[in-house]
Amino acid sequence: MVALVLAALILRPVMVANSLRNEMLEFIEGPFSEQRLREWAARHAATLKCDGTTCEADATVYNWPLHVFGLAPETRFNAEIDTNHGNLAQTVLNLSNISYSDKPKGAATMLLVHFTRDGDTESKVGAHGVHVGQEPIGKLPTVVYSVDLNAAPHNLALAYDINVWCLARIGGCTGPQQAPEVWTLRRRK
């Protein structure tokens, strides 16, 4: 019975993160009212900040059972929704096990989808609707993958291809394990 309870506690963050990611896959370009964002935030115990015409909701899940028992570094999964003037502006999925205690260690993956089709997004993500960024030399391994709605379907799909099982992996995940296909796009240093 104890093993079953522990397994449920360990797998709960994975299931919540998977549900958040799958829900974000359903979002489409266009209206996303503040009321709808408030409902999403309440449903996922997310923080919500609105400032005039922009709103941001951020839900966080982490692997507290594995971390508490010392079986993995603390790993956080964030799902964020940003709106502007009542329209969906961007979604963000972030997975990180970066720790600055003692010696800095870990890695982070951030996947962004820009839902606006104005000239701003092209400058952010490039002519093909895709941009891959990474950490400066000497910093912990990080990848930031941004796409807009003009990107090829495969490239758009990569923006949701984050490994939520990192929340249940004993020992944690290296950067390439967090989003394998996205990490292959990084420049080697």
C-alpha atoms as a PDB file:
ATOM      1  CA  MET A   1       0.000   0.000   0.000  1.00  0.00           C
ATOM      2  CA  VAL A   2       2.831   2.412   0.865  1.00  0.00           C
ATOM      3  CA  ALA A   3       4.496   1.726  -2.500  1.00  0.00           C
ATOM      4  CA  LEU A   4       1.238   2.495  -4.294  1.00  0.00           C
ATOM      5  CA  VAL A   5       0.856   5.804  -2.446  1.00  0.00           C
ATOM      6  CA  LEU A   6       4.480   6.741  -3.196  1.00  0.00           C
ATOM      7  CA  ALA A   7       4.032   5.869  -6.881  1.00  0.00           C
ATOM      8  CA  ALA A   8       0.904   8.040  -7.025  1.00  0.00           C
ATOM      9  CA  LEU A   9       2.732  10.952  -5.375  1.00  0.00           C
ATOM     10  CA  ILE A  10       5.683  10.615  -7.745  1.00  0.00           C
ATOM     11  CA  LEU A  11       3.483  10.365 -10.859  1.00  0.00           C
ATOM     12  CA  ARG A  12       1.051  13.165  -9.942  1.00  0.00           C
ATOM     13  CA  PRO A  13       3.342  15.998 -11.160  1.00  0.00           C
ATOM     14  CA  VAL A  14       3.783  14.166 -14.489  1.00  0.00           C
ATOM     15  CA  MET A  15       0.039  13.808 -14.963  1.00  0.00           C
ATOM     16  CA  VAL A  16      -0.624  17.469 -14.085  1.00  0.00           C
ATOM     17  CA  ALA A  17       2.167  18.699 -16.395  1.00  0.00           C
ATOM     18  CA  ASN A  18       0.959  16.438 -19.206  1.00  0.00           C
ATOM     19  CA  SER A  19      -2.582  17.745 -18.789  1.00  0.00           C
ATOM     20  CA  LEU A  20      -1.368  21.366 -18.909  1.00  0.00           C
ATOM     21  CA  ARG A  21       0.703  20.717 -22.031  1.00  0.00           C
ATOM     22  CA  ASN A  22      -2.127  18.885 -23.791  1.00  0.00           C
ATOM     23  CA  GLU A  23      -4.566  21.666 -22.967  1.00  0.00           C
ATOM     24  CA  MET A  24      -2.175  24.230 -24.473  1.00  0.00           C
ATOM     25  CA  LEU A  25      -1.996  22.153 -27.669  1.00  0.00           C
ATOM     26  CA  GLU A  26      -5.675  22.950 -28.181  1.00  0.00           C
ATOM     27  CA  PHE A  27      -5.227  26.747 -28.087  1.00  0.00           C
ATOM     28  CA  ILE A  28      -5.744  28.570 -31.352  1.00  0.00           C
ATOM     29  CA  GLU A  29      -4.991  32.058 -32.576  1.00  0.00           C
ATOM     30  CA  GLY A  30      -7.515  34.733 -31.688  1.00  0.00           C
ATOM     31  CA  PRO A  31      -9.661  35.839 -28.758  1.00  0.00           C
ATOM     32  CA  PHE A  32      -8.712  34.704 -25.275  1.00  0.00           C
ATOM     33  CA  SER A  33     -10.703  36.749 -22.787  1.00  0.00           C
ATOM     34  CA  GLU A  34      -9.472  37.780 -19.370  1.00  0.00           C
ATOM     35  CA  GLN A  35     -12.352  35.747 -17.923  1.00  0.00           C
ATOM     36  CA  ARG A  36     -11.193  32.615 -19.750  1.00  0.00           C
ATOM     37  CA  LEU A  37      -7.644  33.228 -18.515  1.00  0.00           C
ATOM     38  CA  ARG A  38      -8.901  33.688 -14.954  1.00  0.00           C
ATOM     39  CA  GLU A  39     -10.799  30.389 -15.194  1.00  0.00           C
ATOM     40  CA  TRP A  40      -7.681  28.623 -16.527  1.00  0.00           C
ATOM     41  CA  ALA A  41      -5.597  30.115 -13.718  1.00  0.00           C
ATOM     42  CA  ALA A  42      -8.117  29.062 -11.047  1.00  0.00           C
ATOM     43  CA  ARG A  43      -8.347  25.523 -12.473  1.00  0.00           C
ATOM     44  CA  HIS A  44      -4.557  25.107 -12.368  1.00  0.00           C
ATOM     45  CA  ALA A  45      -3.733  27.085  -9.201  1.00  0.00           C
ATOM     46  CA  ALA A  46      -1.804  29.498 -11.416  1.00  0.00           C
ATOM     47  CA  THR A  47      -0.656  32.999 -10.624  1.00  0.00           C
ATOM     48  CA  LEU A  48      -2.380  35.685 -12.657  1.00  0.00           C
ATOM     49  CA  LYS A  49      -1.145  39.195 -13.396  1.00  0.00           C
ATOM     50  CA  CYS A  50      -2.995  41.721 -15.513  1.00  0.00           C
ATOM     51  CA  ASP A  51      -1.670  45.157 -16.356  1.00  0.00           C
ATOM     52  CA  GLY A  52      -3.944  47.199 -18.560  1.00  0.00           C
ATOM     53  CA  THR A  53      -4.185  45.351 -21.862  1.00  0.00           C
ATOM     54  CA  THR A  54      -1.879  42.416 -21.070  1.00  0.00           C
ATOM     55  CA  CYS A  55      -2.389  39.406 -18.809  1.00  0.00           C
ATOM     56  CA  GLU A  56      -0.147  36.497 -17.844  1.00  0.00           C
ATOM     57  CA  ALA A  57      -1.091  33.271 -16.075  1.00  0.00           C
ATOM     58  CA  ASP A  58       1.624  30.889 -14.876  1.00  0.00           C
ATOM     59  CA  ALA A  59       1.022  27.390 -13.465  1.00  0.00           C
ATOM     60  CA  THR A  60       3.919  25.548 -11.826  1.00  0.00           C
ATOM     61  CA  VAL A  61       4.357  21.881 -10.980  1.00  0.00           C
ATOM     62  CA  TYR A  62       7.453  20.347  -9.433  1.00  0.00           C
ATOM     63  CA  ASN A  63       8.720  16.925  -8.435  1.00  0.00           C
ATOM     64  CA  TRP A  64       8.567  17.491  -4.689  1.00  0.00           C
ATOM     65  CA  PRO A  65       8.331  13.785  -3.684  1.00  0.00           C
ATOM     66  CA  LEU A  66      11.543  12.807  -5.500  1.00  0.00           C
ATOM     67  CA  HIS A  67      13.268  15.992  -4.386  1.00  0.00           C
ATOM     68  CA  VAL A  68      12.254  15.619  -0.723  1.00  0.00           C
ATOM     69  CA  PHE A  69      13.612  12.053  -0.633  1.00  0.00           C
ATOM     70  CA  GLY A  70      16.860  13.169  -2.325  1.00  0.00           C
ATOM     71  CA  LEU A  71      16.238  11.037  -5.414  1.00  0.00           C
ATOM     72  CA  ALA A  72      16.329  13.887  -7.948  1.00  0.00           C
ATOM     73  CA  PRO A  73      17.141  17.581  -8.124  1.00  0.00           C
ATOM     74  CA  GLU A  74      14.154  19.868  -7.821  1.00  0.00           C
ATOM     75  CA  THR A  75      12.619  20.010 -11.289  1.00  0.00           C
ATOM     76  CA  ARG A  76      10.028  22.658 -12.116  1.00  0.00           C
ATOM     77  CA  PHE A  77       7.567  22.629 -14.996  1.00  0.00           C
ATOM     78  CA  ASN A  78       5.846  25.913 -15.851  1.00  0.00           C
ATOM     79  CA  ALA A  79       2.997  26.488 -18.272  1.00  0.00           C
ATOM     80  CA  GLU A  80       2.325  30.140 -19.075  1.00  0.00           C
ATOM     81  CA  ILE A  81      -0.312  31.891 -21.145  1.00  0.00           C
ATOM     82  CA  ASP A  82       0.103  35.520 -22.205  1.00  0.00           C
ATOM     83  CA  THR A  83      -2.690  37.612 -23.691  1.00  0.00           C
ATOM     84  CA  ASN A  84      -2.673  41.066 -25.235  1.00  0.00           C
ATOM     85  CA  HIS A  85      -5.810  43.124 -25.923  1.00  0.00           C
ATOM     86  CA  GLY A  86      -7.993  40.050 -25.263  1.00  0.00           C
ATOM     87  CA  ASN A  87      -6.136  37.839 -27.754  1.00  0.00           C
ATOM     88  CA  LEU A  88      -3.787  34.944 -27.165  1.00  0.00           C
ATOM     89  CA  ALA A  89      -0.258  36.350 -27.541  1.00  0.00           C
ATOM     90  CA  GLN A  90       1.992  33.433 -26.572  1.00  0.00           C
ATOM     91  CA  THR A  91       2.258  30.215 -24.623  1.00  0.00           C
ATOM     92  CA  VAL A  92       5.369  29.070 -22.803  1.00  0.00           C
ATOM     93  CA  LEU A  93       6.415  25.651 -21.526  1.00  0.00           C
ATOM     94  CA  ASN A  94       9.476  25.614 -19.305  1.00  0.00           C
ATOM     95  CA  LEU A  95      11.270  22.694 -17.651  1.00  0.00           C
ATOM     96  CA  SER A  96      14.218  23.399 -15.380  1.00  0.00           C
ATOM     97  CA  ASN A  97      16.321  21.625 -12.795  1.00  0.00           C
ATOM     98  CA  ILE A  98      18.839  24.438 -12.431  1.00  0.00           C
ATOM     99  CA  SER A  99      20.148  24.863  -8.903  1.00  0.00           C
ATOM    100  CA  TYR A 100      22.496  27.556  -7.657  1.00  0.00           C
ATOM    101  CA  SER A 101      23.097  26.028  -4.221  1.00  0.00           C
ATOM    102  CA  ASP A 102      26.690  24.959  -3.681  1.00  0.00           C
ATOM    103  CA  LYS A 103      28.028  24.590  -7.214  1.00  0.00           C
ATOM    104  CA  PRO A 104      25.581  25.677  -9.965  1.00  0.00           C
ATOM    105  CA  LYS A 105      24.227  22.702 -11.899  1.00  0.00           C
ATOM    106  CA  GLY A 106      21.299  21.556 -14.019  1.00  0.00           C
ATOM    107  CA  ALA A 107      19.705  22.576 -17.295  1.00  0.00           C
ATOM    108  CA  ALA A 108      16.625  24.396 -18.582  1.00  0.00           C
ATOM    109  CA  THR A 109      14.371  24.158 -21.620  1.00  0.00           C
ATOM    110  CA  MET A 110      11.914  26.869 -22.675  1.00  0.00           C
ATOM    111  CA  LEU A 111       9.483  26.373 -25.547  1.00  0.00           C
ATOM    112  CA  LEU A 112       7.460  29.359 -26.819  1.00  0.00           C
ATOM    113  CA  VAL A 113       4.653  29.695 -29.347  1.00  0.00           C
ATOM    114  CA  HIS A 114       3.881  33.220 -30.579  1.00  0.00           C
ATOM    115  CA  PHE A 115       0.251  33.525 -31.649  1.00  0.00           C
ATOM    116  CA  THR A 116       0.385  37.024 -33.094  1.00  0.00           C
ATOM    117  CA  ARG A 117       0.926  37.498 -36.808  1.00  0.00           C
ATOM    118  CA  ASP A 118       2.234  41.055 -36.794  1.00  0.00           C
ATOM    119  CA  GLY A 119       5.735  42.148 -37.807  1.00  0.00           C
ATOM    120  CA  ASP A 120       7.050  41.815 -34.238  1.00  0.00           C
ATOM    121  CA  THR A 121       7.079  38.028 -34.242  1.00  0.00           C
ATOM    122  CA  GLU A 122       9.157  37.739 -37.403  1.00  0.00           C
ATOM    123  CA  SER A 123      11.937  39.748 -35.789  1.00  0.00           C
ATOM    124  CA  LYS A 124      11.784  37.480 -32.720  1.00  0.00           C
ATOM    125  CA  VAL A 125      11.780  34.157 -34.511  1.00  0.00           C
ATOM    126  CA  GLY A 126      13.283  34.729 -37.941  1.00  0.00           C
ATOM    127  CA  ALA A 127      12.062  34.419 -41.491  1.00  0.00           C
ATOM    128  CA  HIS A 128      11.030  30.756 -41.157  1.00  0.00           C
ATOM    129  CA  GLY A 129       9.090  31.315 -37.952  1.00  0.00           C
ATOM    130  CA  VAL A 130      11.660  29.459 -35.795  1.00  0.00           C
ATOM    131  CA  HIS A 131      14.414  30.659 -33.480  1.00  0.00           C
ATOM    132  CA  VAL A 132      16.713  28.546 -31.298  1.00  0.00           C
ATOM    133  CA  GLY A 133      18.655  30.324 -28.597  1.00  0.00           C
ATOM    134  CA  GLN A 134      20.987  29.023 -25.942  1.00  0.00           C
ATOM    135  CA  GLU A 135      22.992  30.053 -22.920  1.00  0.00           C
ATOM    136  CA  PRO A 136      26.019  32.312 -23.126  1.00  0.00           C
ATOM    137  CA  ILE A 137      29.429  30.637 -22.871  1.00  0.00           C
ATOM    138  CA  GLY A 138      30.187  29.658 -19.298  1.00  0.00           C
ATOM    139  CA  LYS A 139      26.538  29.453 -18.173  1.00  0.00           C
ATOM    140  CA  LEU A 140      24.454  26.399 -17.377  1.00  0.00           C
ATOM    141  CA  PRO A 141      23.031  24.569 -20.430  1.00  0.00           C
ATOM    142  CA  THR A 142      19.781  26.124 -21.597  1.00  0.00           C
ATOM    143  CA  VAL A 143      17.799  26.120 -24.793  1.00  0.00           C
ATOM    144  CA  VAL A 144      15.025  28.523 -25.806  1.00  0.00           C
ATOM    145  CA  TYR A 145      12.962  27.413 -28.780  1.00  0.00           C
ATOM    146  CA  SER A 146      10.512  29.970 -30.229  1.00  0.00           C
ATOM    147  CA  VAL A 147       8.072  29.520 -33.079  1.00  0.00           C
ATOM    148  CA  ASP A 148       5.253  31.508 -34.586  1.00  0.00           C
ATOM    149  CA  LEU A 149       2.203  30.273 -36.436  1.00  0.00           C
ATOM    150  CA  ASN A 150       3.987  30.595 -39.791  1.00  0.00           C
ATOM    151  CA  ALA A 151       6.431  27.815 -38.859  1.00  0.00           C
ATOM    152  CA  ALA A 152       6.213  24.421 -40.536  1.00  0.00           C
ATOM    153  CA  PRO A 153       3.916  21.977 -38.681  1.00  0.00           C
ATOM    154  CA  HIS A 154       6.879  19.861 -37.479  1.00  0.00           C
ATOM    155  CA  ASN A 155       8.598  22.955 -36.058  1.00  0.00           C
ATOM    156  CA  LEU A 156       5.389  24.056 -34.357  1.00  0.00           C
ATOM    157  CA  ALA A 157       4.953  20.576 -32.832  1.00  0.00           C
ATOM    158  CA  LEU A 158       8.446  20.784 -31.310  1.00  0.00           C
ATOM    159  CA  ALA A 159       7.267  23.738 -29.218  1.00  0.00           C
ATOM    160  CA  TYR A 160       5.115  21.318 -27.216  1.00  0.00           C
ATOM    161  CA  ASP A 161       7.532  18.366 -27.237  1.00  0.00           C
ATOM    162  CA  ILE A 162       8.786  18.641 -23.673  1.00  0.00           C
ATOM    163  CA  ASN A 163       9.507  15.527 -21.626  1.00  0.00           C
ATOM    164  CA  VAL A 164       7.184  15.814 -18.619  1.00  0.00           C
ATOM    165  CA  TRP A 165       8.498  12.429 -17.432  1.00  0.00           C
ATOM    166  CA  CYS A 166      11.539  14.337 -16.161  1.00  0.00           C
ATOM    167  CA  LEU A 167       9.329  15.125 -13.164  1.00  0.00           C
ATOM    168  CA  ALA A 168       9.326  11.418 -12.203  1.00  0.00           C
ATOM    169  CA  ARG A 169      12.838  10.416 -13.262  1.00  0.00           C
ATOM    170  CA  ILE A 170      15.154   9.326 -10.468  1.00  0.00           C
ATOM    171  CA  GLY A 171      18.332  11.357 -10.822  1.00  0.00           C
ATOM    172  CA  GLY A 172      16.585  14.028 -12.875  1.00  0.00           C
ATOM    173  CA  CYS A 173      17.050  14.853 -16.558  1.00  0.00           C
ATOM    174  CA  THR A 174      19.970  16.327 -18.411  1.00  0.00           C
ATOM    175  CA  GLY A 175      19.176  19.126 -20.851  1.00  0.00           C
ATOM    176  CA  PRO A 176      18.972  16.848 -23.910  1.00  0.00           C
ATOM    177  CA  GLN A 177      16.556  14.578 -22.042  1.00  0.00           C
ATOM    178  CA  GLN A 178      14.213  17.510 -21.359  1.00  0.00           C
ATOM    179  CA  ALA A 179      13.290  17.962 -25.046  1.00  0.00           C
ATOM    180  CA  PRO A 180      15.503  15.693 -27.175  1.00  0.00           C
ATOM    181  CA  GLU A 181      14.621  16.990 -30.658  1.00  0.00           C
ATOM    182  CA  VAL A 182      14.895  20.641 -29.637  1.00  0.00           C
ATOM    183  CA  TRP A 183      18.252  20.098 -27.945  1.00  0.00           C
ATOM    184  CA  THR A 184      19.674  18.620 -31.161  1.00  0.00           C
ATOM    185  CA  LEU A 185      19.147  22.061 -32.736  1.00  0.00           C
ATOM    186  CA  ARG A 186      21.602  23.765 -30.358  1.00  0.00           C
ATOM    187  CA  ARG A 187      25.018  24.831 -31.614  1.00  0.00           C
ATOM    188  CA  ARG A 188      27.842  22.784 -30.148  1.00  0.00           C
ATOM    189  CA  LYS A 189      30.360  24.776 -28.123  1.00  0.00           C
END
